[in-house]
Protein backbone atom coordinates (compact mmCIF):
# COMPACT_ATOMS: atom_id res chain seq x y z
CA MET A 1 0.00 0.00 0.00
CA ALA A 2 2.90 2.37 -0.59
CA SER A 3 1.82 5.88 -1.56
CA GLU A 4 3.35 9.33 -1.94
CA ARG A 5 0.20 11.17 -0.96
CA PRO A 6 -0.50 11.22 2.79
CA ILE A 7 -3.74 9.74 4.06
CA ILE A 8 -5.71 12.56 5.66
CA ILE A 9 -7.56 11.95 8.92
CA ALA A 10 -10.23 14.59 9.59
CA THR A 11 -11.07 15.54 13.16
CA ARG A 12 -12.51 18.32 15.26
CA GLY A 13 -10.16 20.56 17.20
CA SER A 14 -11.43 19.91 20.73
CA ALA A 15 -9.04 18.30 23.20
CA LEU A 16 -11.06 15.07 23.29
CA ALA A 17 -11.48 14.89 19.50
CA LEU A 18 -7.75 15.42 19.02
CA ALA A 19 -6.93 12.76 21.60
CA GLN A 20 -9.17 10.28 19.78
CA ALA A 21 -7.80 11.20 16.36
CA ASN A 22 -4.24 10.81 17.62
CA LEU A 23 -5.14 7.36 18.96
CA ILE A 24 -6.36 6.35 15.51
CA ALA A 25 -3.38 7.94 13.78
CA ALA A 26 -0.98 6.07 16.08
CA GLN A 27 -2.76 2.80 15.38
CA CYS A 28 -2.61 3.50 11.63
CA ARG A 29 1.11 4.30 11.72
CA GLU A 30 1.88 1.20 13.74
CA THR A 31 -0.17 -1.08 11.48
CA PHE A 32 0.93 0.54 8.21
CA PRO A 33 4.46 1.90 8.82
CA LYS A 34 5.10 2.56 5.12
CA LEU A 35 2.14 4.92 4.79
CA ARG A 36 1.95 8.56 5.85
CA PHE A 37 -1.00 9.72 7.94
CA GLU A 38 -1.73 13.37 8.69
CA LEU A 39 -4.43 15.06 10.77
CA LYS A 40 -6.70 17.73 9.33
CA ILE A 41 -8.46 19.81 12.00
CA ILE A 42 -11.88 21.12 11.00
CA LYS A 43 -14.18 23.38 13.02
CA THR A 44 -17.74 22.02 13.08
CA THR A 45 -21.09 23.71 13.63
CA GLY A 46 -21.18 22.27 17.15
CA ASP A 47 -17.82 23.84 17.94
CA LYS A 48 -19.20 27.22 16.84
CA LEU A 49 -22.30 26.83 19.01
CA GLN A 50 -20.65 26.02 22.34
CA LYS A 51 -22.99 28.44 24.13
CA ALA A 52 -26.14 26.96 22.64
CA SER A 53 -28.34 24.66 24.68
CA MET A 54 -28.17 21.04 23.58
CA SER A 55 -31.25 19.92 25.44
CA LYS A 56 -33.91 22.64 25.52
CA VAL A 57 -37.36 21.16 25.30
CA GLY A 58 -39.25 22.08 22.16
CA GLU A 59 -36.22 23.24 20.21
CA SER A 60 -35.14 21.24 17.18
CA LEU A 61 -31.37 21.20 16.77
CA PRO A 62 -29.82 20.09 13.49
CA LYS A 63 -28.34 16.60 13.31
CA GLY A 64 -24.64 16.24 12.76
CA LEU A 65 -23.61 19.27 14.81
CA PHE A 66 -20.16 17.77 15.33
CA THR A 67 -19.88 15.73 12.14
CA LYS A 68 -21.25 17.57 9.09
CA GLU A 69 -18.12 19.53 8.15
CA LEU A 70 -15.95 16.42 8.51
CA GLU A 71 -18.29 14.57 6.16
CA VAL A 72 -18.15 17.40 3.63
CA ALA A 73 -14.36 17.04 3.65
CA LEU A 74 -14.77 13.32 2.88
CA VAL A 75 -17.22 13.91 0.05
CA LYS A 76 -14.91 16.51 -1.51
CA SER A 77 -11.90 14.17 -1.12
CA GLN A 78 -10.24 16.68 1.19
CA ALA A 79 -9.94 13.88 3.76
CA ASP A 80 -9.80 10.08 3.60
CA LEU A 81 -11.05 9.14 7.06
CA ALA A 82 -13.16 11.08 9.56
CA VAL A 83 -12.81 10.24 13.24
CA HIS A 84 -15.90 10.77 15.40
CA SER A 85 -17.12 10.13 18.90
CA LEU A 86 -19.63 7.56 17.70
CA LYS A 87 -22.33 8.91 20.00
CA ASP A 88 -22.25 12.14 17.93
CA LEU A 89 -22.60 10.43 14.55
CA PRO A 90 -26.20 10.42 13.22
CA THR A 91 -27.55 7.02 12.25
CA ASP A 92 -28.58 8.18 8.77
CA ARG A 93 -25.42 8.52 6.72
CA PRO A 94 -25.02 10.93 3.79
CA ALA A 95 -25.06 9.25 0.38
CA GLY A 96 -21.66 7.83 -0.48
CA LEU A 97 -20.35 7.62 3.10
CA VAL A 98 -20.21 4.62 5.44
CA LEU A 99 -19.18 3.81 8.99
CA ALA A 100 -16.23 1.57 8.18
CA ALA A 101 -14.68 0.73 11.54
CA THR A 102 -14.90 1.03 15.31
CA PRO A 103 -11.75 0.26 17.32
CA LYS A 104 -12.18 -1.53 20.63
CA ARG A 105 -14.66 0.29 22.81
CA ALA A 106 -13.61 2.02 26.02
CA ASP A 107 -15.50 1.84 29.32
CA VAL A 108 -19.10 2.91 28.67
CA ARG A 109 -19.90 4.09 32.19
CA ASP A 110 -20.57 7.66 33.34
CA VAL A 111 -18.84 9.44 36.21
CA LEU A 112 -20.38 11.65 38.88
CA ILE A 113 -17.99 14.53 39.70
CA TYR A 114 -18.37 16.67 42.83
CA ARG A 115 -16.40 18.69 45.41
CA ASP A 116 -14.39 17.19 48.24
CA ALA A 117 -15.68 18.32 51.65
CA GLU A 118 -12.34 17.72 53.33
CA PHE A 119 -10.52 19.82 50.72
CA ILE A 120 -12.97 22.71 51.15
CA LYS A 121 -12.65 22.54 54.94
CA THR A 122 -8.86 22.52 54.84
CA ARG A 123 -8.64 25.30 52.27
CA ALA A 124 -11.15 27.46 54.09
CA ALA A 125 -9.18 27.09 57.32
CA GLY A 126 -6.07 28.33 55.55
CA PHE A 127 -7.83 31.52 54.44
CA ILE A 128 -9.39 32.51 57.77
CA SER A 129 -7.26 35.66 58.14
CA GLN A 130 -7.05 36.47 54.42
CA PRO A 131 -9.54 37.86 51.89
CA SER A 132 -10.97 35.03 49.85
CA THR A 133 -13.68 34.36 47.30
CA LEU A 134 -14.23 30.98 48.95
CA ASN A 135 -17.30 30.77 51.19
CA PRO A 136 -17.10 27.88 53.65
CA GLN A 137 -20.21 25.76 53.97
CA PRO A 138 -22.70 27.31 56.42
CA VAL A 139 -24.31 25.12 59.04
CA ASP A 140 -27.81 25.47 57.59
CA TRP A 141 -27.26 25.26 53.85
CA VAL A 142 -30.35 25.48 51.66
CA PRO A 143 -30.76 25.01 47.89
CA GLY A 144 -29.98 28.20 46.00
CA GLN A 145 -27.13 29.42 48.17
CA ASP A 146 -23.82 30.12 46.46
CA ALA A 147 -21.59 28.76 49.22
CA LEU A 148 -19.34 25.90 48.19
CA ARG A 149 -20.17 22.63 49.88
CA GLY A 150 -18.49 19.31 49.47
CA PHE A 151 -19.15 15.66 50.07
CA LYS A 152 -17.39 12.53 51.20
CA PRO A 153 -15.57 10.18 48.79
CA HIS A 154 -17.47 7.38 47.03
CA LEU A 155 -20.71 9.34 47.17
CA LYS A 156 -23.71 7.60 45.67
CA LEU A 157 -26.59 9.36 44.00
CA LYS A 158 -28.93 8.54 46.86
CA ASP A 159 -26.53 10.23 49.29
CA PHE A 160 -27.04 13.70 47.82
CA PRO A 161 -29.26 15.92 49.99
CA LYS A 162 -32.69 16.90 48.78
CA GLY A 163 -32.53 19.67 46.21
CA ALA A 164 -28.89 19.08 45.29
CA THR A 165 -28.04 20.50 41.86
CA ILE A 166 -26.46 18.30 39.20
CA ALA A 167 -25.51 19.82 35.85
CA THR A 168 -25.70 17.99 32.51
CA SER A 169 -26.47 18.85 28.89
CA SER A 170 -27.76 15.33 28.18
CA THR A 171 -31.49 14.57 28.27
CA ARG A 172 -30.62 10.88 28.71
CA ARG A 173 -28.63 11.61 31.87
CA LYS A 174 -31.19 14.09 33.17
CA GLU A 175 -34.07 11.63 32.92
CA GLN A 176 -32.11 8.79 34.51
CA LEU A 177 -30.90 11.02 37.34
CA LEU A 178 -34.44 12.10 38.12
CA ALA A 179 -35.76 8.55 37.81
CA ALA A 180 -33.24 7.43 40.43
CA GLN A 181 -33.56 10.52 42.66
CA PRO A 182 -36.68 12.61 41.89
CA ASP A 183 -35.82 15.40 44.34
CA LEU A 184 -32.62 16.40 42.53
CA ASN A 185 -32.38 19.72 40.70
CA VAL A 186 -30.94 18.99 37.25
CA VAL A 187 -29.71 22.01 35.28
CA GLU A 188 -28.05 22.75 31.93
CA ILE A 189 -24.27 23.00 31.52
CA ARG A 190 -22.13 23.74 28.46
CA GLY A 191 -18.43 23.64 27.65
CA ASN A 192 -15.73 21.05 27.17
CA VAL A 193 -14.70 18.51 29.81
CA THR A 194 -12.22 20.79 31.58
CA THR A 195 -14.63 23.73 31.57
CA ARG A 196 -17.38 21.66 33.16
CA MET A 197 -15.07 20.41 35.88
CA GLN A 198 -13.95 23.99 36.56
CA LYS A 199 -17.57 25.11 36.90
CA VAL A 200 -18.26 22.44 39.51
CA ALA A 201 -15.08 23.32 41.40
CA GLU A 202 -15.86 27.04 41.54
CA ARG A 203 -19.63 27.57 41.37
CA GLY A 204 -21.55 27.11 44.59
CA GLU A 205 -24.87 26.83 42.75
CA LEU A 206 -23.65 23.52 41.27
CA ASP A 207 -23.04 20.41 43.35
CA ALA A 208 -21.97 17.96 40.66
CA THR A 209 -21.86 17.08 37.00
CA VAL A 210 -21.84 13.83 35.02
CA LEU A 211 -19.25 13.03 32.33
CA ALA A 212 -18.32 9.95 30.31
CA LEU A 213 -15.52 7.84 31.77
CA ALA A 214 -14.18 7.10 28.29
CA GLY A 215 -13.66 10.79 27.56
CA LEU A 216 -11.95 11.37 30.89
CA THR A 217 -9.63 8.42 30.31
CA ARG A 218 -8.69 9.55 26.80
CA LEU A 219 -7.76 12.95 28.25
CA ASN A 220 -5.47 11.19 30.75
CA PHE A 221 -7.70 11.80 33.78
CA ARG A 222 -8.32 8.98 36.22
CA VAL A 223 -10.46 8.08 39.21
CA THR A 224 -8.26 6.79 42.04
CA PRO A 225 -9.27 3.95 44.39
CA GLU A 226 -9.75 6.67 47.02
CA GLY A 227 -12.35 8.34 44.83
CA LYS A 228 -10.27 11.35 43.76
CA LEU A 229 -10.21 12.72 40.24
CA GLU A 230 -6.65 13.24 39.05
CA GLY A 231 -5.00 14.70 35.95
CA ASP A 232 -2.97 17.70 34.85
CA ALA A 233 -5.99 19.87 34.07
CA VAL A 234 -8.24 18.69 36.92
CA PRO A 235 -9.12 21.50 39.36
CA ASP A 236 -8.06 20.83 42.94
CA GLY A 237 -10.54 19.24 45.30
CA LEU A 238 -12.73 17.15 43.00
CA LEU A 239 -13.96 13.65 43.75
CA ALA A 240 -15.56 11.16 41.38
CA THR A 241 -17.87 8.16 41.58
CA ILE A 242 -18.21 5.79 38.62
CA LEU A 243 -21.89 5.04 38.02
CA ASP A 244 -22.89 1.48 37.24
CA VAL A 245 -24.81 0.91 34.01
CA ASP A 246 -27.72 -0.45 36.06
CA MET A 247 -28.15 3.09 37.40
CA MET A 248 -27.07 5.08 34.33
CA LEU A 249 -27.46 3.29 31.01
CA PRO A 250 -25.07 4.84 28.43
CA CYS A 251 -26.10 6.59 25.27
CA VAL A 252 -25.91 4.76 21.97
CA GLY A 253 -22.28 4.37 20.91
CA GLN A 254 -20.82 5.75 24.14
CA GLY A 255 -17.14 4.89 24.58
CA ALA A 256 -16.74 3.99 20.90
CA ILE A 257 -14.82 5.83 18.19
CA GLY A 258 -16.33 5.75 14.71
CA ILE A 259 -14.27 5.90 11.53
CA GLU A 260 -16.22 7.13 8.50
CA ILE A 261 -15.00 6.88 4.89
CA ARG A 262 -16.22 7.12 1.30
CA ALA A 263 -18.17 3.99 0.38
CA ASP A 264 -16.30 3.48 -2.87
CA ASP A 265 -12.78 3.93 -1.46
CA GLU A 266 -11.54 0.33 -1.43
CA ARG A 267 -8.00 1.32 -0.46
CA ILE A 268 -9.08 3.09 2.73
CA ALA A 269 -11.63 0.34 3.42
CA LYS A 270 -8.77 -2.18 3.60
CA ILE A 271 -7.02 0.00 6.14
CA CYS A 272 -10.21 0.19 8.20
CA GLU A 273 -10.49 -3.60 8.22
CA ARG A 274 -7.30 -3.67 10.28
CA LEU A 275 -8.57 -0.96 12.63
CA ASN A 276 -11.95 -2.51 13.30
CA HIS A 277 -12.86 -4.42 16.48
CA PHE A 278 -15.52 -6.94 15.51
CA ASN A 279 -17.37 -7.18 18.82
CA THR A 280 -17.52 -3.42 19.24
CA PHE A 281 -18.80 -2.94 15.69
CA GLN A 282 -21.58 -5.50 16.20
CA CYS A 283 -22.63 -3.99 19.53
CA VAL A 284 -22.85 -0.44 18.20
CA THR A 285 -24.67 -1.77 15.13
CA ALA A 286 -27.41 -3.03 17.45
CA GLU A 287 -27.49 0.19 19.44
CA ARG A 288 -27.59 2.42 16.36
CA ALA A 289 -30.33 0.28 14.82
CA PHE A 290 -32.31 0.85 18.01
CA LEU A 291 -31.78 4.62 17.88
CA CYS A 292 -32.65 4.78 14.20
CA ALA A 293 -35.86 2.80 14.74
CA MET A 294 -36.76 5.09 17.65
CA GLY A 295 -36.40 8.03 15.26
CA GLY A 296 -34.02 9.90 17.52
CA GLY A 297 -30.63 11.55 17.56
CA CYS A 298 -27.85 11.82 20.11
CA GLN A 299 -29.92 14.14 22.32
CA SER A 300 -33.01 11.90 22.43
CA PRO A 301 -34.05 10.77 25.93
CA VAL A 302 -33.19 7.14 25.18
CA ALA A 303 -30.28 4.87 26.09
CA ALA A 304 -29.09 1.45 24.96
CA TYR A 305 -26.19 -0.86 25.68
CA ALA A 306 -25.29 -4.09 23.91
CA GLU A 307 -22.76 -6.69 25.07
CA ILE A 308 -21.58 -9.97 23.59
CA ASN A 309 -21.73 -13.08 25.73
CA GLY A 310 -20.38 -16.11 23.91
CA SER A 311 -22.16 -16.45 20.58
CA ARG A 312 -25.05 -14.20 21.53
CA MET A 313 -25.63 -10.52 22.01
CA GLU A 314 -27.47 -9.13 25.01
CA MET A 315 -28.96 -5.67 24.97
CA ARG A 316 -30.75 -3.33 27.35
CA ALA A 317 -32.61 -0.16 26.43
CA VAL A 318 -34.65 2.56 28.12
CA SER A 319 -36.82 5.34 26.73
CA PHE A 320 -38.28 8.44 28.42
CA ARG A 321 -39.94 9.75 25.26
CA GLU A 322 -43.47 9.05 26.43
CA GLY A 323 -43.12 10.04 30.07
CA PRO A 324 -41.92 7.60 32.76
CA ALA A 325 -39.13 5.16 31.95
CA ARG A 326 -39.97 2.26 29.68
CA ARG A 327 -37.38 -0.51 29.60
CA ALA A 328 -36.70 -3.49 27.37
CA GLU A 329 -34.02 -6.14 27.01
CA GLY A 330 -33.35 -9.03 24.67
CA LYS A 331 -30.89 -11.57 23.27
CA ARG A 332 -30.09 -12.72 19.75
CA PRO A 333 -27.22 -14.28 17.78
CA ILE A 334 -24.45 -11.79 17.01
CA ALA A 335 -25.29 -11.91 13.30
CA GLU A 336 -28.72 -10.44 14.12
CA ALA A 337 -27.37 -7.31 15.83
CA ALA A 338 -29.47 -4.85 13.84
CA VAL A 339 -32.57 -7.00 14.26
CA LEU A 340 -32.07 -6.97 18.04
CA GLY A 341 -31.91 -3.18 18.10
CA GLU A 342 -35.04 -2.87 15.99
CA GLN A 343 -36.82 -5.40 18.18
CA LEU A 344 -36.21 -3.43 21.38
CA ALA A 345 -37.24 -0.20 19.68
CA ALA A 346 -40.51 -1.80 18.60
CA GLU A 347 -41.17 -2.80 22.22
CA LEU A 348 -40.58 0.75 23.48
CA LYS A 349 -42.38 2.76 20.79
């Protein structure tokens, strides 16, 4: 496959998108050392609308907020592969483009991020005789106050006090949070991963946020056994609890990276064959078939997660589209992945 022209990998410019694209580029270079691979950074509509709400009821947002411009580059042969967070990739593909590969999926779970009470107490004590913007927790805290308050490590959702405020831009997360703990106050939040963590660290009106573990890991953040969130860009004094999928079912494609190419590009298709992880591809095929049959996009209040057990695929799904949670689960042979997704959608519609 020797070639003089470099193979262009299109990606967004966010820290997470670049981290994912660099993972794919490294895998390409290792697998095909004689080929040249270069990144092409493209600003998408979603990047330009960082202040827009992603989950306002009654507002119709365009599909492909974070993918359209990358796909245009593919169609115009300005790029050969486009690397996406698969959860952002609409299920209906533009004519002439296909999802060609998904490398092995990362951990699909979500993470609850909140302030450390011990850190706040210690820091507040150190500022007793100095001016400070930090307000120690009052004895009788009530919802709506701006004072920073913290919590103990390994906090579970049920341990939050009544009226605690959790920020998320995801309707899927919002509905599952409220289903598990109806007295929570769930509000909108925007910004990249680091920005959201900074908001929780500094804003007393927020108690916590929820982020994907896969994204945190790809940005070199980690949750320690002691429940601390660590990493170069992590604000001081944050704790984290990994939420089990029984409590917070992931969105379709969460933790997976999607590689999109031109359907007629056999040369790039052969490269993608070496990048693809079969089990991951089959699982996300089932999940995306479910989402497509539900008629929703990445911000729909639905969730689905497929796993392979032996020769069969097992899948769980939940929908909040018609009010209270409606759940379904099923099993089928791996070869019937798409059928399984459509089956669960039919049960929930």
